[in-house]
Protein backbone atom coordinates (compact mmCIF):
# COMPACT_ATOMS: atom_id res chain seq x y z
CA GLN A 1 -0.18 -0.04 -0.13
CA VAL A 2 1.38 3.45 -1.01
CA GLN A 3 0.04 6.53 0.39
CA LEU A 4 0.29 9.87 -1.50
CA VAL A 5 0.39 13.33 -0.08
CA GLU A 6 -0.06 16.47 -2.13
CA SER A 7 0.84 19.81 -1.16
CA GLY A 8 1.79 23.27 -2.67
CA GLY A 9 -1.76 24.23 -3.64
CA GLY A 10 -3.04 27.79 -2.77
CA LEU A 11 -4.39 30.89 -4.04
CA VAL A 12 -2.59 32.73 -6.90
CA GLN A 13 -3.25 35.69 -9.04
CA PRO A 14 -3.90 35.18 -13.01
CA GLY A 15 -0.49 34.77 -14.60
CA GLY A 16 1.05 33.58 -11.41
CA SER A 17 3.07 29.93 -10.47
CA LEU A 18 2.71 27.21 -8.07
CA ARG A 19 4.38 24.00 -7.81
CA LEU A 20 2.61 21.07 -6.46
CA SER A 21 4.38 18.19 -4.86
CA CYS A 22 3.41 14.55 -4.26
CA VAL A 23 5.45 12.60 -1.73
CA ALA A 24 4.83 8.84 -1.78
CA SER A 25 5.11 6.78 1.73
CA ALA A 26 7.23 4.14 -0.15
CA ARG A 27 9.97 3.91 -2.72
CA ILE A 28 8.28 3.81 -6.00
CA VAL A 29 9.98 1.19 -8.26
CA GLY A 30 8.87 -0.96 -11.25
CA ILE A 31 6.72 0.32 -14.35
CA TYR A 32 4.11 3.10 -13.53
CA THR A 33 2.67 6.04 -14.90
CA MET A 34 2.43 8.88 -12.53
CA GLY A 35 -0.32 11.47 -13.29
CA TRP A 36 -1.72 14.63 -12.12
CA TYR A 37 -5.40 14.98 -12.20
CA ARG A 38 -7.62 18.07 -11.42
CA GLN A 39 -11.27 18.29 -10.72
CA ALA A 40 -13.31 21.63 -10.77
CA PRO A 41 -16.66 22.03 -9.09
CA GLY A 42 -19.42 20.51 -11.26
CA LYS A 43 -16.79 18.92 -13.73
CA GLN A 44 -15.44 15.65 -14.25
CA ARG A 45 -11.83 14.85 -13.07
CA GLU A 46 -9.40 15.25 -15.93
CA LEU A 47 -5.80 14.17 -16.60
CA VAL A 48 -3.50 17.31 -16.49
CA ALA A 49 -0.16 15.71 -17.17
CA ALA A 50 1.63 12.08 -16.88
CA ILE A 51 5.00 10.90 -16.65
CA THR A 52 6.00 7.10 -17.24
CA SER A 53 8.56 5.30 -15.22
CA GLY A 54 10.77 5.51 -18.58
CA GLY A 55 10.38 9.45 -18.43
CA SER A 56 7.84 9.92 -21.20
CA THR A 57 5.35 12.69 -20.33
CA ASN A 58 2.20 13.86 -21.95
CA TYR A 59 0.00 16.92 -21.32
CA ALA A 60 -3.73 18.05 -21.65
CA ALA A 61 -3.71 20.46 -24.46
CA SER A 62 -5.07 23.31 -21.98
CA VAL A 63 -1.72 23.08 -19.97
CA LYS A 64 0.84 22.44 -22.49
CA GLY A 65 3.67 24.89 -22.68
CA ARG A 66 2.49 26.16 -19.25
CA PHE A 67 2.99 23.10 -16.82
CA THR A 68 5.65 20.60 -16.37
CA ILE A 69 5.49 17.39 -14.85
CA SER A 70 8.78 15.84 -13.38
CA ARG A 71 9.74 13.61 -10.65
CA ASP A 72 12.63 12.82 -8.15
CA ASN A 73 12.89 9.13 -7.51
CA ALA A 74 15.43 9.56 -4.67
CA LYS A 75 12.89 12.02 -2.80
CA ASN A 76 9.86 9.62 -3.71
CA THR A 77 8.40 12.92 -4.91
CA GLY A 78 6.47 13.92 -8.00
CA TYR A 79 6.01 17.59 -8.90
CA LEU A 80 3.90 19.53 -11.26
CA GLN A 81 5.07 23.02 -11.81
CA MET A 82 2.48 25.37 -13.01
CA ASN A 83 3.55 28.61 -14.57
CA ASN A 84 1.17 31.42 -16.23
CA LEU A 85 -1.89 30.23 -14.31
CA LYS A 86 -5.50 30.97 -15.38
CA PRO A 87 -8.67 31.15 -13.90
CA ASP A 88 -9.85 27.87 -15.64
CA ASP A 89 -7.04 25.97 -13.94
CA THR A 90 -9.19 26.39 -10.65
CA ALA A 91 -9.61 22.96 -9.29
CA ASP A 92 -8.76 20.18 -6.77
CA TYR A 93 -5.50 18.78 -7.86
CA TYR A 94 -4.69 15.02 -7.25
CA CYS A 95 -1.72 12.67 -7.76
CA ASN A 96 -1.87 9.25 -8.84
CA TYR A 97 0.46 6.34 -9.50
CA ASP A 98 -0.62 3.75 -11.69
CA PHE A 99 0.82 0.32 -11.44
CA GLY A 100 -1.52 -1.44 -13.90
CA LYS A 101 -2.88 -3.79 -11.41
CA ALA A 102 -3.08 -1.15 -8.50
CA GLY A 103 -3.51 2.34 -8.57
CA TYR A 104 -3.20 5.22 -5.63
CA TRP A 105 -4.47 8.42 -5.10
CA GLY A 106 -3.64 11.46 -2.97
CA GLN A 107 -6.16 13.50 -1.10
CA GLY A 108 -5.70 16.48 -3.33
CA THR A 109 -4.61 20.01 -2.90
CA GLN A 110 -6.79 22.96 -3.90
CA VAL A 111 -5.68 25.50 -6.52
CA THR A 112 -7.41 28.73 -6.84
CA VAL A 113 -6.51 31.25 -9.44
CA SER A 114 -8.34 34.67 -9.00
CA SER A 115 -7.42 38.27 -9.02
């Protein structure tokens, strides 16, 4: 069982930046995909960005060029650097590790982009 804890959310003005972190309670090994998802009020959860254990990344079209996903295996931590934030980025953000046969979610961190 792996527990994930997200942090780094908050209130930021449009055009600002935040870096989200996702710390895992255990060393992450094997083949997996780590993803950052978000869910805005009244909307379905959507994939924002993902990175595989091999290092391949993909991004939602709405965040491409503004968000960067990364990970530090030595720290069991994944990151989502968010730049040039927009009000439409307001949501609860969740990290996920998908090992194929098992998947784990964090509790989420809230991001609010407002002037």
